[in-house]
């Protein structure tokens, strides 16, 4: 099972907000990586919130959905 997900990334010091859309095989592990600042594109944000996710049958479907969102 693969997942497509949407995060809300908040930087309270710089007053920035950004949506991040991704796909992964292990949603819990990937979310933990985002929250522990192990992902370059989200590590500058103070707060990471999972807004939405959906399950996909395979990587191709998850990637296509990621690009659509």
PDB file of N, CA and C in Angstrom:
ATOM      1  N   UNK A   1       0.841  -1.180   0.000  1.00  0.00           N
ATOM      2  CA  UNK A   1       0.000   0.000   0.000  1.00  0.00           C
ATOM      3  C   UNK A   1       0.888   1.246   0.000  1.00  0.00           C
ATOM      4  N   UNK A   2       0.509   2.221  -0.782  1.00  0.00           N
ATOM      5  CA  UNK A   2       1.219   3.501  -0.853  1.00  0.00           C
ATOM      6  C   UNK A   2       0.258   4.614  -0.463  1.00  0.00           C
ATOM      7  N   UNK A   3       0.801   5.742  -0.095  1.00  0.00           N
ATOM      8  CA  UNK A   3      -0.011   6.861   0.364  1.00  0.00           C
ATOM      9  C   UNK A   3       0.398   8.151  -0.322  1.00  0.00           C
ATOM     10  N   UNK A   4      -0.585   8.980  -0.601  1.00  0.00           N
ATOM     11  CA  UNK A   4      -0.368  10.353  -1.044  1.00  0.00           C
ATOM     12  C   UNK A   4      -0.839  11.222   0.117  1.00  0.00           C
ATOM     13  N   UNK A   5      -0.074  12.257   0.445  1.00  0.00           N
ATOM     14  CA  UNK A   5      -0.405  13.045   1.632  1.00  0.00           C
ATOM     15  C   UNK A   5      -0.164  14.534   1.402  1.00  0.00           C
ATOM     16  N   UNK A   6      -0.832  15.342   2.231  1.00  0.00           N
ATOM     17  CA  UNK A   6      -0.688  16.799   2.183  1.00  0.00           C
ATOM     18  C   UNK A   6      -0.337  17.274   3.591  1.00  0.00           C
ATOM     19  N   UNK A   7       0.739  18.048   3.680  1.00  0.00           N
ATOM     20  CA  UNK A   7       1.158  18.628   4.957  1.00  0.00           C
ATOM     21  C   UNK A   7       0.976  20.136   4.920  1.00  0.00           C
ATOM     22  N   UNK A   8       0.687  20.707   6.075  1.00  0.00           N
ATOM     23  CA  UNK A   8       0.741  22.151   6.244  1.00  0.00           C
ATOM     24  C   UNK A   8       2.001  22.428   7.045  1.00  0.00           C
ATOM     25  N   UNK A   9       2.908  23.187   6.469  1.00  0.00           N
ATOM     26  CA  UNK A   9       4.188  23.510   7.097  1.00  0.00           C
ATOM     27  C   UNK A   9       4.138  24.966   7.551  1.00  0.00           C
ATOM     28  N   UNK A  10       4.417  25.201   8.830  1.00  0.00           N
ATOM     29  CA  UNK A  10       4.311  26.536   9.402  1.00  0.00           C
ATOM     30  C   UNK A  10       5.642  26.961   9.986  1.00  0.00           C
ATOM     31  N   UNK A  11       6.061  28.163   9.625  1.00  0.00           N
ATOM     32  CA  UNK A  11       7.259  28.792  10.208  1.00  0.00           C
ATOM     33  C   UNK A  11       6.771  30.018  10.963  1.00  0.00           C
ATOM     34  N   UNK A  12       6.647  29.893  12.277  1.00  0.00           N
ATOM     35  CA  UNK A  12       6.081  30.977  13.079  1.00  0.00           C
ATOM     36  C   UNK A  12       7.001  32.192  13.163  1.00  0.00           C
ATOM     37  N   UNK A  13       8.297  31.973  13.080  1.00  0.00           N
ATOM     38  CA  UNK A  13       9.237  33.103  13.156  1.00  0.00           C
ATOM     39  C   UNK A  13       9.185  33.953  11.897  1.00  0.00           C
ATOM     40  N   UNK A  14       9.133  33.321  10.758  1.00  0.00           N
ATOM     41  CA  UNK A  14       9.094  34.043   9.488  1.00  0.00           C
ATOM     42  C   UNK A  14       7.684  34.283   8.978  1.00  0.00           C
ATOM     43  N   UNK A  15       6.704  33.824   9.772  1.00  0.00           N
ATOM     44  CA  UNK A  15       5.299  33.984   9.410  1.00  0.00           C
ATOM     45  C   UNK A  15       5.007  33.414   8.019  1.00  0.00           C
ATOM     46  N   UNK A  16       5.541  32.194   7.751  1.00  0.00           N
ATOM     47  CA  UNK A  16       5.336  31.523   6.461  1.00  0.00           C
ATOM     48  C   UNK A  16       4.484  30.285   6.653  1.00  0.00           C
ATOM     49  N   UNK A  17       3.679  29.988   5.630  1.00  0.00           N
ATOM     50  CA  UNK A  17       2.919  28.745   5.574  1.00  0.00           C
ATOM     51  C   UNK A  17       3.082  28.170   4.184  1.00  0.00           C
ATOM     52  N   UNK A  18       3.179  26.838   4.115  1.00  0.00           N
ATOM     53  CA  UNK A  18       3.373  26.175   2.820  1.00  0.00           C
ATOM     54  C   UNK A  18       2.686  24.818   2.856  1.00  0.00           C
ATOM     55  N   UNK A  19       2.089  24.443   1.734  1.00  0.00           N
ATOM     56  CA  UNK A  19       1.570  23.086   1.593  1.00  0.00           C
ATOM     57  C   UNK A  19       2.650  22.230   0.957  1.00  0.00           C
ATOM     58  N   UNK A  20       2.805  21.028   1.468  1.00  0.00           N
ATOM     59  CA  UNK A  20       3.753  20.066   0.907  1.00  0.00           C
ATOM     60  C   UNK A  20       2.944  18.836   0.532  1.00  0.00           C
ATOM     61  N   UNK A  21       3.104  18.363  -0.683  1.00  0.00           N
ATOM     62  CA  UNK A  21       2.398  17.178  -1.168  1.00  0.00           C
ATOM     63  C   UNK A  21       3.427  16.115  -1.496  1.00  0.00           C
ATOM     64  N   UNK A  22       3.215  14.908  -0.993  1.00  0.00           N
ATOM     65  CA  UNK A  22       4.172  13.843  -1.233  1.00  0.00           C
ATOM     66  C   UNK A  22       3.495  12.488  -1.316  1.00  0.00           C
ATOM     67  N   UNK A  23       4.297  11.475  -1.576  1.00  0.00           N
ATOM     68  CA  UNK A  23       3.805  10.099  -1.582  1.00  0.00           C
ATOM     69  C   UNK A  23       4.865   9.209  -0.959  1.00  0.00           C
ATOM     70  N   UNK A  24       4.412   8.124  -0.345  1.00  0.00           N
ATOM     71  CA  UNK A  24       5.319   7.251   0.386  1.00  0.00           C
ATOM     72  C   UNK A  24       4.702   5.866   0.564  1.00  0.00           C
ATOM     73  N   UNK A  25       5.541   4.921   0.883  1.00  0.00           N
ATOM     74  CA  UNK A  25       5.045   3.577   1.199  1.00  0.00           C
ATOM     75  C   UNK A  25       4.721   3.455   2.685  1.00  0.00           C
ATOM     76  N   UNK A  26       5.420   4.211   3.527  1.00  0.00           N
ATOM     77  CA  UNK A  26       5.199   4.151   4.973  1.00  0.00           C
ATOM     78  C   UNK A  26       4.902   5.564   5.480  1.00  0.00           C
ATOM     79  N   UNK A  27       3.640   5.856   5.680  1.00  0.00           N
ATOM     80  CA  UNK A  27       3.219   7.211   6.050  1.00  0.00           C
ATOM     81  C   UNK A  27       3.733   7.623   7.425  1.00  0.00           C
ATOM     82  N   UNK A  28       3.682   6.743   8.393  1.00  0.00           N
ATOM     83  CA  UNK A  28       4.143   7.092   9.755  1.00  0.00           C
ATOM     84  C   UNK A  28       5.627   7.439   9.769  1.00  0.00           C
ATOM     85  N   UNK A  29       6.427   6.639   9.103  1.00  0.00           N
ATOM     86  CA  UNK A  29       7.867   6.892   9.061  1.00  0.00           C
ATOM     87  C   UNK A  29       8.166   8.188   8.328  1.00  0.00           C
ATOM     88  N   UNK A  30       7.489   8.415   7.220  1.00  0.00           N
ATOM     89  CA  UNK A  30       7.735   9.637   6.439  1.00  0.00           C
ATOM     90  C   UNK A  30       7.318  10.885   7.217  1.00  0.00           C
ATOM     91  N   UNK A  31       6.201  10.829   7.908  1.00  0.00           N
ATOM     92  CA  UNK A  31       5.757  11.955   8.719  1.00  0.00           C
ATOM     93  C   UNK A  31       6.746  12.237   9.847  1.00  0.00           C
ATOM     94  N   UNK A  32       7.265  11.188  10.455  1.00  0.00           N
ATOM     95  CA  UNK A  32       8.276  11.353  11.501  1.00  0.00           C
ATOM     96  C   UNK A  32       9.533  12.021  10.947  1.00  0.00           C
ATOM     97  N   UNK A  33       9.932  11.654   9.740  1.00  0.00           N
ATOM     98  CA  UNK A  33      11.096  12.285   9.111  1.00  0.00           C
ATOM     99  C   UNK A  33      10.861  13.770   8.884  1.00  0.00           C
ATOM    100  N   UNK A  34       9.651  14.120   8.455  1.00  0.00           N
ATOM    101  CA  UNK A  34       9.337  15.533   8.278  1.00  0.00           C
ATOM    102  C   UNK A  34       9.409  16.269   9.620  1.00  0.00           C
ATOM    103  N   UNK A  35       8.842  15.686  10.645  1.00  0.00           N
ATOM    104  CA  UNK A  35       8.775  16.347  11.954  1.00  0.00           C
ATOM    105  C   UNK A  35      10.125  16.433  12.657  1.00  0.00           C
ATOM    106  N   UNK A  36      11.049  15.535  12.327  1.00  0.00           N
ATOM    107  CA  UNK A  36      12.382  15.567  12.938  1.00  0.00           C
ATOM    108  C   UNK A  36      13.394  16.292  12.060  1.00  0.00           C
ATOM    109  N   UNK A  37      12.876  17.013  11.066  1.00  0.00           N
ATOM    110  CA  UNK A  37      13.691  17.867  10.191  1.00  0.00           C
ATOM    111  C   UNK A  37      14.719  17.082   9.366  1.00  0.00           C
ATOM    112  N   UNK A  38      14.339  15.888   8.950  1.00  0.00           N
ATOM    113  CA  UNK A  38      15.204  15.049   8.123  1.00  0.00           C
ATOM    114  C   UNK A  38      14.918  15.180   6.633  1.00  0.00           C
ATOM    115  N   UNK A  39      13.963  16.021   6.282  1.00  0.00           N
ATOM    116  CA  UNK A  39      13.596  16.232   4.873  1.00  0.00           C
ATOM    117  C   UNK A  39      13.965  17.667   4.513  1.00  0.00           C
ATOM    118  N   UNK A  40      14.816  17.825   3.513  1.00  0.00           N
ATOM    119  CA  UNK A  40      15.330  19.153   3.149  1.00  0.00           C
ATOM    120  C   UNK A  40      14.236  20.182   2.878  1.00  0.00           C
ATOM    121  N   UNK A  41      13.193  19.794   2.182  1.00  0.00           N
ATOM    122  CA  UNK A  41      12.183  20.775   1.778  1.00  0.00           C
ATOM    123  C   UNK A  41      11.295  21.252   2.922  1.00  0.00           C
ATOM    124  N   UNK A  42      11.248  20.538   4.024  1.00  0.00           N
ATOM    125  CA  UNK A  42      10.386  20.953   5.142  1.00  0.00           C
ATOM    126  C   UNK A  42      11.155  21.232   6.433  1.00  0.00           C
ATOM    127  N   UNK A  43      12.459  21.074   6.435  1.00  0.00           N
ATOM    128  CA  UNK A  43      13.203  21.205   7.687  1.00  0.00           C
ATOM    129  C   UNK A  43      13.267  22.623   8.241  1.00  0.00           C
ATOM    130  N   UNK A  44      12.979  23.631   7.439  1.00  0.00           N
ATOM    131  CA  UNK A  44      13.024  25.014   7.921  1.00  0.00           C
ATOM    132  C   UNK A  44      11.727  25.430   8.624  1.00  0.00           C
ATOM    133  N   UNK A  45      10.754  24.551   8.688  1.00  0.00           N
ATOM    134  CA  UNK A  45       9.468  24.878   9.302  1.00  0.00           C
ATOM    135  C   UNK A  45       9.398  24.359  10.735  1.00  0.00           C
ATOM    136  N   UNK A  46       8.753  25.163  11.605  1.00  0.00           N
ATOM    137  CA  UNK A  46       8.631  24.816  13.025  1.00  0.00           C
ATOM    138  C   UNK A  46       7.586  23.743  13.270  1.00  0.00           C
ATOM    139  N   UNK A  47       6.503  23.822  12.531  1.00  0.00           N
ATOM    140  CA  UNK A  47       5.363  22.955  12.785  1.00  0.00           C
ATOM    141  C   UNK A  47       4.941  22.269  11.488  1.00  0.00           C
ATOM    142  N   UNK A  48       4.716  20.966  11.566  1.00  0.00           N
ATOM    143  CA  UNK A  48       4.269  20.168  10.428  1.00  0.00           C
ATOM    144  C   UNK A  48       2.969  19.483  10.829  1.00  0.00           C
ATOM    145  N   UNK A  49       1.921  19.722  10.059  1.00  0.00           N
ATOM    146  CA  UNK A  49       0.620  19.109  10.341  1.00  0.00           C
ATOM    147  C   UNK A  49       0.174  18.281   9.144  1.00  0.00           C
ATOM    148  N   UNK A  50      -0.240  17.066   9.404  1.00  0.00           N
ATOM    149  CA  UNK A  50      -0.811  16.223   8.358  1.00  0.00           C
ATOM    150  C   UNK A  50      -2.266  16.650   8.162  1.00  0.00           C
ATOM    151  N   UNK A  51      -2.576  17.180   6.992  1.00  0.00           N
ATOM    152  CA  UNK A  51      -3.928  17.649   6.704  1.00  0.00           C
ATOM    153  C   UNK A  51      -4.787  16.577   6.049  1.00  0.00           C
ATOM    154  N   UNK A  52      -4.149  15.747   5.206  1.00  0.00           N
ATOM    155  CA  UNK A  52      -4.918  14.814   4.391  1.00  0.00           C
ATOM    156  C   UNK A  52      -4.017  13.684   3.916  1.00  0.00           C
ATOM    157  N   UNK A  53      -4.574  12.499   3.809  1.00  0.00           N
ATOM    158  CA  UNK A  53      -3.860  11.401   3.147  1.00  0.00           C
ATOM    159  C   UNK A  53      -4.869  10.448   2.535  1.00  0.00           C
ATOM    160  N   UNK A  54      -4.418   9.716   1.534  1.00  0.00           N
ATOM    161  CA  UNK A  54      -5.244   8.698   0.919  1.00  0.00           C
ATOM    162  C   UNK A  54      -4.376   7.511   0.531  1.00  0.00           C
ATOM    163  N   UNK A  55      -4.957   6.344   0.579  1.00  0.00           N
ATOM    164  CA  UNK A  55      -4.244   5.116   0.237  1.00  0.00           C
ATOM    165  C   UNK A  55      -4.359   4.837  -1.252  1.00  0.00           C
ATOM    166  N   UNK A  56      -3.290   4.315  -1.822  1.00  0.00           N
ATOM    167  CA  UNK A  56      -3.251   3.932  -3.242  1.00  0.00           C
ATOM    168  C   UNK A  56      -2.735   2.500  -3.335  1.00  0.00           C
ATOM    169  N   UNK A  57      -3.135   1.815  -4.370  1.00  0.00           N
ATOM    170  CA  UNK A  57      -2.746   0.409  -4.523  1.00  0.00           C
ATOM    171  C   UNK A  57      -1.286   0.206  -4.900  1.00  0.00           C
ATOM    172  N   UNK A  58      -0.706   1.187  -5.612  1.00  0.00           N
ATOM    173  CA  UNK A  58       0.674   1.014  -6.045  1.00  0.00           C
ATOM    174  C   UNK A  58       1.355   2.375  -6.150  1.00  0.00           C
ATOM    175  N   UNK A  59       2.662   2.347  -6.370  1.00  0.00           N
ATOM    176  CA  UNK A  59       3.463   3.569  -6.432  1.00  0.00           C
ATOM    177  C   UNK A  59       3.047   4.457  -7.603  1.00  0.00           C
ATOM    178  N   UNK A  60       2.727   3.869  -8.721  1.00  0.00           N
ATOM    179  CA  UNK A  60       2.332   4.652  -9.891  1.00  0.00           C
ATOM    180  C   UNK A  60       1.072   5.471  -9.615  1.00  0.00           C
ATOM    181  N   UNK A  61       0.087   4.863  -8.962  1.00  0.00           N
ATOM    182  CA  UNK A  61      -1.147   5.579  -8.615  1.00  0.00           C
ATOM    183  C   UNK A  61      -0.870   6.695  -7.610  1.00  0.00           C
ATOM    184  N   UNK A  62      -0.041   6.415  -6.624  1.00  0.00           N
ATOM    185  CA  UNK A  62       0.282   7.419  -5.598  1.00  0.00           C
ATOM    186  C   UNK A  62       1.021   8.600  -6.206  1.00  0.00           C
ATOM    187  N   UNK A  63       1.943   8.328  -7.101  1.00  0.00           N
ATOM    188  CA  UNK A  63       2.702   9.393  -7.761  1.00  0.00           C
ATOM    189  C   UNK A  63       1.797  10.217  -8.673  1.00  0.00           C
ATOM    190  N   UNK A  64       0.910   9.566  -9.395  1.00  0.00           N
ATOM    191  CA  UNK A  64      -0.023  10.282 -10.272  1.00  0.00           C
ATOM    192  C   UNK A  64      -0.944  11.179  -9.453  1.00  0.00           C
ATOM    193  N   UNK A  65      -1.397  10.682  -8.335  1.00  0.00           N
ATOM    194  CA  UNK A  65      -2.282  11.482  -7.473  1.00  0.00           C
ATOM    195  C   UNK A  65      -1.518  12.670  -6.874  1.00  0.00           C
ATOM    196  N   UNK A  66      -0.272  12.431  -6.487  1.00  0.00           N
ATOM    197  CA  UNK A  66       0.586  13.508  -5.954  1.00  0.00           C
ATOM    198  C   UNK A  66       0.714  14.623  -6.982  1.00  0.00           C
ATOM    199  N   UNK A  67       0.948  14.267  -8.219  1.00  0.00           N
ATOM    200  CA  UNK A  67       1.103  15.276  -9.277  1.00  0.00           C
ATOM    201  C   UNK A  67      -0.216  16.003  -9.544  1.00  0.00           C
ATOM    202  N   UNK A  68      -1.331  15.308  -9.419  1.00  0.00           N
ATOM    203  CA  UNK A  68      -2.637  15.909  -9.641  1.00  0.00           C
ATOM    204  C   UNK A  68      -2.947  16.955  -8.586  1.00  0.00           C
ATOM    205  N   UNK A  69      -2.606  16.636  -7.332  1.00  0.00           N
ATOM    206  CA  UNK A  69      -2.910  17.567  -6.231  1.00  0.00           C
ATOM    207  C   UNK A  69      -2.001  18.771  -6.320  1.00  0.00           C
TER     208      UNK A  69
END
